[in-house]
Amino acid sequence: MANQTRTEAPETVIVGIDPGTNVLGYGVIRGSGRNKMQLEVLGVMELSKYRDHYVRLREIYKRVLQLVEQYLPDEVAIEAPFFGKNVQSMLKLGRAQGVAIAAVMARDVPIFEYAPRKIKLAITGNGAASKEQVASMLRSILGENDFNQKHLDATDGLAAAVCHFYQRSLPGGGAGNKPKVPTSGKRKASSWEEFVRSNPDRVR
């Protein structure tokens, strides 16, 4: 019997975002199969230096757009706001998430939203896990050794990406978290310039 060549699962690039009004955390992973993941980048965006709230929103939009154009993700995962008692804080956090979503949608990338508890549960098995516990588990999952305290906001963004990678591996592709932007079914462009050339009617 002739040997059959096993087709490798295509790689998927996922950007994870933890929106915030003082610090925005993000992480990018490249995954394949059901559990093979590689860390591409981990970082934070410091927003406290901008005194005006609307300037912060503008900078969030610009940075998220940069991430999408630089890493060309297949999908983006974002952490949903945590419902607290401070209405003003919740309003500002919701705005931060909204402009991040708008930046992703501007490039027609599917975006998925996950509650903080669901992300923690997916990463650690405990929906009430601390930031430190999430970071420690991510370090183990990804085989990284250089996470530290200053990365705790970044690892929250990374956790959203890893959570989504696990969810999309489930039967139905994590159907419980519908994308906010439908996929077009077209081949993914290798650069933003190629996307513009291939989709003149979708770019203004």
C-alpha atoms as a PDB file:
ATOM      1  CA  MET A   1       0.000   0.000   0.000  1.00  0.00           C
ATOM      2  CA  ALA A   2       1.354   3.392  -0.981  1.00  0.00           C
ATOM      3  CA  ASN A   3       2.402   5.681   1.802  1.00  0.00           C
ATOM      4  CA  GLN A   4      -0.049   8.507   2.441  1.00  0.00           C
ATOM      5  CA  THR A   5       1.310  11.978   2.966  1.00  0.00           C
ATOM      6  CA  ARG A   6      -0.139  13.585   6.059  1.00  0.00           C
ATOM      7  CA  THR A   7      -1.270  17.126   5.388  1.00  0.00           C
ATOM      8  CA  GLU A   8      -0.152  19.510   8.096  1.00  0.00           C
ATOM      9  CA  ALA A   9      -2.811  21.723   9.618  1.00  0.00           C
ATOM     10  CA  PRO A  10      -2.532  25.300   8.349  1.00  0.00           C
ATOM     11  CA  GLU A  11      -1.081  27.824  10.734  1.00  0.00           C
ATOM     12  CA  THR A  12      -3.388  30.339  12.343  1.00  0.00           C
ATOM     13  CA  VAL A  13      -2.312  33.737  13.622  1.00  0.00           C
ATOM     14  CA  ILE A  14      -4.396  35.081  16.511  1.00  0.00           C
ATOM     15  CA  VAL A  15      -4.099  38.469  18.175  1.00  0.00           C
ATOM     16  CA  GLY A  16      -5.401  38.692  21.742  1.00  0.00           C
ATOM     17  CA  ILE A  17      -6.326  42.029  23.299  1.00  0.00           C
ATOM     18  CA  ASP A  18      -7.083  43.049  26.872  1.00  0.00           C
ATOM     19  CA  PRO A  19      -8.483  46.580  26.480  1.00  0.00           C
ATOM     20  CA  GLY A  20      -7.943  49.112  29.221  1.00  0.00           C
ATOM     21  CA  THR A  21      -7.978  52.857  29.720  1.00  0.00           C
ATOM     22  CA  ASN A  22      -4.613  52.961  31.524  1.00  0.00           C
ATOM     23  CA  VAL A  23      -2.886  49.925  30.031  1.00  0.00           C
ATOM     24  CA  LEU A  24      -3.824  47.852  26.993  1.00  0.00           C
ATOM     25  CA  GLY A  25      -2.291  44.390  26.886  1.00  0.00           C
ATOM     26  CA  TYR A  26      -1.817  42.286  23.776  1.00  0.00           C
ATOM     27  CA  GLY A  27      -0.298  39.031  22.654  1.00  0.00           C
ATOM     28  CA  VAL A  28       0.084  37.354  19.274  1.00  0.00           C
ATOM     29  CA  ILE A  29       0.349  33.609  18.777  1.00  0.00           C
ATOM     30  CA  ARG A  30       0.850  31.343  15.799  1.00  0.00           C
ATOM     31  CA  GLY A  31      -0.897  28.018  16.199  1.00  0.00           C
ATOM     32  CA  SER A  32      -1.488  24.788  14.309  1.00  0.00           C
ATOM     33  CA  GLY A  33      -3.240  21.519  15.017  1.00  0.00           C
ATOM     34  CA  ARG A  34      -5.061  21.222  18.327  1.00  0.00           C
ATOM     35  CA  ASN A  35      -2.411  22.363  20.783  1.00  0.00           C
ATOM     36  CA  LYS A  36       0.726  23.596  19.005  1.00  0.00           C
ATOM     37  CA  MET A  37       1.306  27.279  19.739  1.00  0.00           C
ATOM     38  CA  GLN A  38       4.188  29.682  19.374  1.00  0.00           C
ATOM     39  CA  LEU A  39       4.428  33.138  20.899  1.00  0.00           C
ATOM     40  CA  GLU A  40       5.031  35.890  18.355  1.00  0.00           C
ATOM     41  CA  VAL A  41       4.934  38.978  20.546  1.00  0.00           C
ATOM     42  CA  LEU A  42       3.793  40.084  23.983  1.00  0.00           C
ATOM     43  CA  GLY A  43       3.404  43.703  24.980  1.00  0.00           C
ATOM     44  CA  VAL A  44       1.518  46.554  26.576  1.00  0.00           C
ATOM     45  CA  MET A  45       0.460  50.013  25.536  1.00  0.00           C
ATOM     46  CA  GLU A  46       0.840  52.584  28.308  1.00  0.00           C
ATOM     47  CA  LEU A  47      -2.033  55.058  28.161  1.00  0.00           C
ATOM     48  CA  SER A  48      -1.696  56.883  31.479  1.00  0.00           C
ATOM     49  CA  LYS A  49       0.640  59.425  29.866  1.00  0.00           C
ATOM     50  CA  TYR A  50      -2.326  60.763  27.887  1.00  0.00           C
ATOM     51  CA  ARG A  51      -4.450  62.913  30.180  1.00  0.00           C
ATOM     52  CA  ASP A  52      -7.378  63.296  27.774  1.00  0.00           C
ATOM     53  CA  HIS A  53      -9.642  60.241  27.625  1.00  0.00           C
ATOM     54  CA  TYR A  54     -10.488  60.822  23.972  1.00  0.00           C
ATOM     55  CA  VAL A  55      -6.809  60.968  23.046  1.00  0.00           C
ATOM     56  CA  ARG A  56      -6.405  57.587  24.732  1.00  0.00           C
ATOM     57  CA  LEU A  57      -9.188  56.181  22.578  1.00  0.00           C
ATOM     58  CA  ARG A  58      -7.511  57.533  19.463  1.00  0.00           C
ATOM     59  CA  GLU A  59      -4.197  55.939  20.440  1.00  0.00           C
ATOM     60  CA  ILE A  60      -5.888  52.599  21.163  1.00  0.00           C
ATOM     61  CA  TYR A  61      -7.436  52.626  17.701  1.00  0.00           C
ATOM     62  CA  LYS A  62      -4.107  53.424  16.048  1.00  0.00           C
ATOM     63  CA  ARG A  63      -2.158  50.766  17.977  1.00  0.00           C
ATOM     64  CA  VAL A  64      -4.672  47.982  17.374  1.00  0.00           C
ATOM     65  CA  LEU A  65      -4.737  48.890  13.683  1.00  0.00           C
ATOM     66  CA  GLN A  66      -0.935  48.648  13.634  1.00  0.00           C
ATOM     67  CA  LEU A  67      -1.058  45.195  15.221  1.00  0.00           C
ATOM     68  CA  VAL A  68      -3.552  43.956  12.642  1.00  0.00           C
ATOM     69  CA  GLU A  69      -1.584  45.361   9.718  1.00  0.00           C
ATOM     70  CA  GLN A  70       1.750  44.092  11.037  1.00  0.00           C
ATOM     71  CA  TYR A  71       0.788  40.527  11.995  1.00  0.00           C
ATOM     72  CA  LEU A  72      -2.109  39.963   9.553  1.00  0.00           C
ATOM     73  CA  PRO A  73      -4.091  37.796  11.987  1.00  0.00           C
ATOM     74  CA  ASP A  74      -6.671  35.289  10.830  1.00  0.00           C
ATOM     75  CA  GLU A  75      -8.748  36.135  13.914  1.00  0.00           C
ATOM     76  CA  VAL A  76      -8.689  38.450  16.910  1.00  0.00           C
ATOM     77  CA  ALA A  77      -9.834  37.613  20.442  1.00  0.00           C
ATOM     78  CA  ILE A  78     -10.738  40.356  22.894  1.00  0.00           C
ATOM     79  CA  GLU A  79     -11.568  40.261  26.583  1.00  0.00           C
ATOM     80  CA  ALA A  80     -15.040  41.542  27.440  1.00  0.00           C
ATOM     81  CA  PRO A  81     -15.299  44.284  30.093  1.00  0.00           C
ATOM     82  CA  PHE A  82     -15.675  43.120  33.676  1.00  0.00           C
ATOM     83  CA  PHE A  83     -18.899  44.445  35.162  1.00  0.00           C
ATOM     84  CA  GLY A  84     -18.027  46.417  38.270  1.00  0.00           C
ATOM     85  CA  LYS A  85     -19.826  48.896  40.484  1.00  0.00           C
ATOM     86  CA  ASN A  86     -18.184  52.064  39.157  1.00  0.00           C
ATOM     87  CA  VAL A  87     -20.382  53.148  36.240  1.00  0.00           C
ATOM     88  CA  GLN A  88     -17.930  55.757  34.952  1.00  0.00           C
ATOM     89  CA  SER A  89     -15.078  53.273  34.883  1.00  0.00           C
ATOM     90  CA  MET A  90     -17.264  50.761  33.067  1.00  0.00           C
ATOM     91  CA  LEU A  91     -18.249  53.371  30.505  1.00  0.00           C
ATOM     92  CA  LYS A  92     -14.617  54.252  29.792  1.00  0.00           C
ATOM     93  CA  LEU A  93     -13.619  50.597  29.584  1.00  0.00           C
ATOM     94  CA  GLY A  94     -16.488  49.903  27.190  1.00  0.00           C
ATOM     95  CA  ARG A  95     -15.320  52.741  24.980  1.00  0.00           C
ATOM     96  CA  ALA A  96     -11.779  51.341  24.958  1.00  0.00           C
ATOM     97  CA  GLN A  97     -13.079  47.961  23.906  1.00  0.00           C
ATOM     98  CA  GLY A  98     -15.320  49.561  21.290  1.00  0.00           C
ATOM     99  CA  VAL A  99     -12.535  51.429  19.514  1.00  0.00           C
ATOM    100  CA  ALA A 100     -10.335  48.307  19.599  1.00  0.00           C
ATOM    101  CA  ILE A 101     -13.148  46.328  17.957  1.00  0.00           C
ATOM    102  CA  ALA A 102     -13.660  49.111  15.404  1.00  0.00           C
ATOM    103  CA  ALA A 103      -9.963  49.016  14.468  1.00  0.00           C
ATOM    104  CA  VAL A 104     -10.125  45.254  13.859  1.00  0.00           C
ATOM    105  CA  MET A 105     -13.358  45.560  11.881  1.00  0.00           C
ATOM    106  CA  ALA A 106     -11.798  48.283   9.722  1.00  0.00           C
ATOM    107  CA  ARG A 107      -9.530  45.572   8.307  1.00  0.00           C
ATOM    108  CA  ASP A 108     -12.323  42.992   8.017  1.00  0.00           C
ATOM    109  CA  VAL A 109     -10.766  40.527  10.463  1.00  0.00           C
ATOM    110  CA  PRO A 110     -13.124  38.236  12.445  1.00  0.00           C
ATOM    111  CA  ILE A 111     -13.183  39.179  16.130  1.00  0.00           C
ATOM    112  CA  PHE A 112     -14.363  37.049  19.040  1.00  0.00           C
ATOM    113  CA  GLU A 113     -15.233  38.217  22.553  1.00  0.00           C
ATOM    114  CA  TYR A 114     -14.661  36.226  25.744  1.00  0.00           C
ATOM    115  CA  ALA A 115     -15.658  36.938  29.326  1.00  0.00           C
ATOM    116  CA  PRO A 116     -12.724  37.199  31.774  1.00  0.00           C
ATOM    117  CA  ARG A 117     -13.953  34.172  33.715  1.00  0.00           C
ATOM    118  CA  LYS A 118     -14.127  32.026  30.578  1.00  0.00           C
ATOM    119  CA  ILE A 119     -10.575  32.998  29.612  1.00  0.00           C
ATOM    120  CA  LYS A 120      -9.235  32.107  33.064  1.00  0.00           C
ATOM    121  CA  LEU A 121     -11.145  28.840  33.029  1.00  0.00           C
ATOM    122  CA  ALA A 122      -9.732  27.896  29.624  1.00  0.00           C
ATOM    123  CA  ILE A 123      -6.153  28.661  30.667  1.00  0.00           C
ATOM    124  CA  THR A 124      -6.016  27.479  34.281  1.00  0.00           C
ATOM    125  CA  GLY A 125      -9.178  25.457  34.864  1.00  0.00           C
ATOM    126  CA  ASN A 126     -10.195  28.032  37.480  1.00  0.00           C
ATOM    127  CA  GLY A 127     -12.500  30.884  36.509  1.00  0.00           C
ATOM    128  CA  ALA A 128     -11.378  32.885  39.547  1.00  0.00           C
ATOM    129  CA  ALA A 129      -7.622  32.513  38.931  1.00  0.00           C
ATOM    130  CA  SER A 130      -5.320  35.467  39.627  1.00  0.00           C
ATOM    131  CA  LYS A 131      -3.295  37.287  36.969  1.00  0.00           C
ATOM    132  CA  GLU A 132      -0.186  35.616  38.342  1.00  0.00           C
ATOM    133  CA  GLN A 133      -1.729  32.151  38.001  1.00  0.00           C
ATOM    134  CA  VAL A 134      -2.781  32.882  34.407  1.00  0.00           C
ATOM    135  CA  ALA A 135       0.720  34.128  33.557  1.00  0.00           C
ATOM    136  CA  SER A 136       2.311  31.076  35.146  1.00  0.00           C
ATOM    137  CA  MET A 137       0.134  28.680  33.166  1.00  0.00           C
ATOM    138  CA  LEU A 138       0.770  30.553  29.913  1.00  0.00           C
ATOM    139  CA  ARG A 139       4.482  30.312  30.598  1.00  0.00           C
ATOM    140  CA  SER A 140       4.097  26.544  30.880  1.00  0.00           C
ATOM    141  CA  ILE A 141       1.826  26.210  27.834  1.00  0.00           C
ATOM    142  CA  LEU A 142       4.053  28.256  25.533  1.00  0.00           C
ATOM    143  CA  GLY A 143       7.395  27.181  26.971  1.00  0.00           C
ATOM    144  CA  GLU A 144       8.410  30.761  27.695  1.00  0.00           C
ATOM    145  CA  ASN A 145      10.597  31.683  30.638  1.00  0.00           C
ATOM    146  CA  ASP A 146      10.848  35.468  30.485  1.00  0.00           C
ATOM    147  CA  PHE A 147       7.387  36.530  31.634  1.00  0.00           C
ATOM    148  CA  ASN A 148       7.596  38.882  34.604  1.00  0.00           C
ATOM    149  CA  GLN A 149       5.469  41.201  36.694  1.00  0.00           C
ATOM    150  CA  LYS A 150       5.417  44.014  34.136  1.00  0.00           C
ATOM    151  CA  HIS A 151       3.860  41.612  31.646  1.00  0.00           C
ATOM    152  CA  LEU A 152       0.737  40.835  33.679  1.00  0.00           C
ATOM    153  CA  ASP A 153      -1.453  43.124  31.580  1.00  0.00           C
ATOM    154  CA  ALA A 154       0.139  41.733  28.443  1.00  0.00           C
ATOM    155  CA  THR A 155      -0.500  38.141  29.533  1.00  0.00           C
ATOM    156  CA  ASP A 156      -4.194  38.969  29.934  1.00  0.00           C
ATOM    157  CA  GLY A 157      -4.251  39.855  26.237  1.00  0.00           C
ATOM    158  CA  LEU A 158      -2.232  36.755  25.407  1.00  0.00           C
ATOM    159  CA  ALA A 159      -4.647  34.645  27.450  1.00  0.00           C
ATOM    160  CA  ALA A 160      -7.531  35.809  25.250  1.00  0.00           C
ATOM    161  CA  ALA A 161      -5.639  34.589  22.170  1.00  0.00           C
ATOM    162  CA  VAL A 162      -4.823  31.202  23.730  1.00  0.00           C
ATOM    163  CA  CYS A 163      -8.403  30.809  24.970  1.00  0.00           C
ATOM    164  CA  HIS A 164      -9.668  31.402  21.443  1.00  0.00           C
ATOM    165  CA  PHE A 165      -7.175  28.917  19.997  1.00  0.00           C
ATOM    166  CA  TYR A 166      -8.539  26.260  22.340  1.00  0.00           C
ATOM    167  CA  GLN A 167     -12.152  27.200  21.581  1.00  0.00           C
ATOM    168  CA  ARG A 168     -11.695  27.032  17.813  1.00  0.00           C
ATOM    169  CA  SER A 169     -10.277  23.498  18.199  1.00  0.00           C
ATOM    170  CA  LEU A 170     -13.544  22.302  19.746  1.00  0.00           C
ATOM    171  CA  PRO A 171     -16.318  20.714  17.648  1.00  0.00           C
ATOM    172  CA  GLY A 172     -18.126  23.564  15.948  1.00  0.00           C
ATOM    173  CA  GLY A 173     -15.077  25.827  16.235  1.00  0.00           C
ATOM    174  CA  GLY A 174     -16.199  27.507  19.425  1.00  0.00           C
ATOM    175  CA  ALA A 175     -19.592  28.346  17.999  1.00  0.00           C
ATOM    176  CA  GLY A 176     -20.667  29.864  21.292  1.00  0.00           C
ATOM    177  CA  ASN A 177     -18.583  32.933  20.498  1.00  0.00           C
ATOM    178  CA  LYS A 178     -19.736  34.109  17.103  1.00  0.00           C
ATOM    179  CA  PRO A 179     -17.360  36.379  15.190  1.00  0.00           C
ATOM    180  CA  LYS A 180     -18.399  40.010  15.073  1.00  0.00           C
ATOM    181  CA  VAL A 181     -17.169  40.127  11.463  1.00  0.00           C
ATOM    182  CA  PRO A 182     -17.984  37.269   9.060  1.00  0.00           C
ATOM    183  CA  THR A 183     -15.139  35.629   7.192  1.00  0.00           C
ATOM    184  CA  SER A 184     -15.095  36.265   3.457  1.00  0.00           C
ATOM    185  CA  GLY A 185     -13.786  32.829   2.466  1.00  0.00           C
ATOM    186  CA  LYS A 186     -11.013  34.407   0.378  1.00  0.00           C
ATOM    187  CA  ARG A 187      -7.338  33.550   0.599  1.00  0.00           C
ATOM    188  CA  LYS A 188      -5.664  35.590   3.268  1.00  0.00           C
ATOM    189  CA  ALA A 189      -3.539  38.413   1.830  1.00  0.00           C
ATOM    190  CA  SER A 190       0.166  38.319   2.642  1.00  0.00           C
ATOM    191  CA  SER A 191       0.277  42.061   3.295  1.00  0.00           C
ATOM    192  CA  TRP A 192      -2.009  45.053   3.707  1.00  0.00           C
ATOM    193  CA  GLU A 193      -0.910  46.310   0.275  1.00  0.00           C
ATOM    194  CA  GLU A 194      -1.997  43.033  -1.326  1.00  0.00           C
ATOM    195  CA  PHE A 195      -5.328  43.235   0.487  1.00  0.00           C
ATOM    196  CA  VAL A 196      -5.912  46.736  -0.921  1.00  0.00           C
ATOM    197  CA  ARG A 197      -5.099  45.594  -4.454  1.00  0.00           C
ATOM    198  CA  SER A 198      -7.377  42.568  -4.174  1.00  0.00           C
ATOM    199  CA  ASN A 199     -10.285  44.439  -2.564  1.00  0.00           C
ATOM    200  CA  PRO A 200     -10.538  47.897  -4.136  1.00  0.00           C
ATOM    201  CA  ASP A 201     -14.273  48.058  -3.411  1.00  0.00           C
ATOM    202  CA  ARG A 202     -13.742  47.456   0.348  1.00  0.00           C
ATOM    203  CA  VAL A 203     -11.096  50.092   0.970  1.00  0.00           C
ATOM    204  CA  ARG A 204     -11.873  53.805   1.162  1.00  0.00           C
END
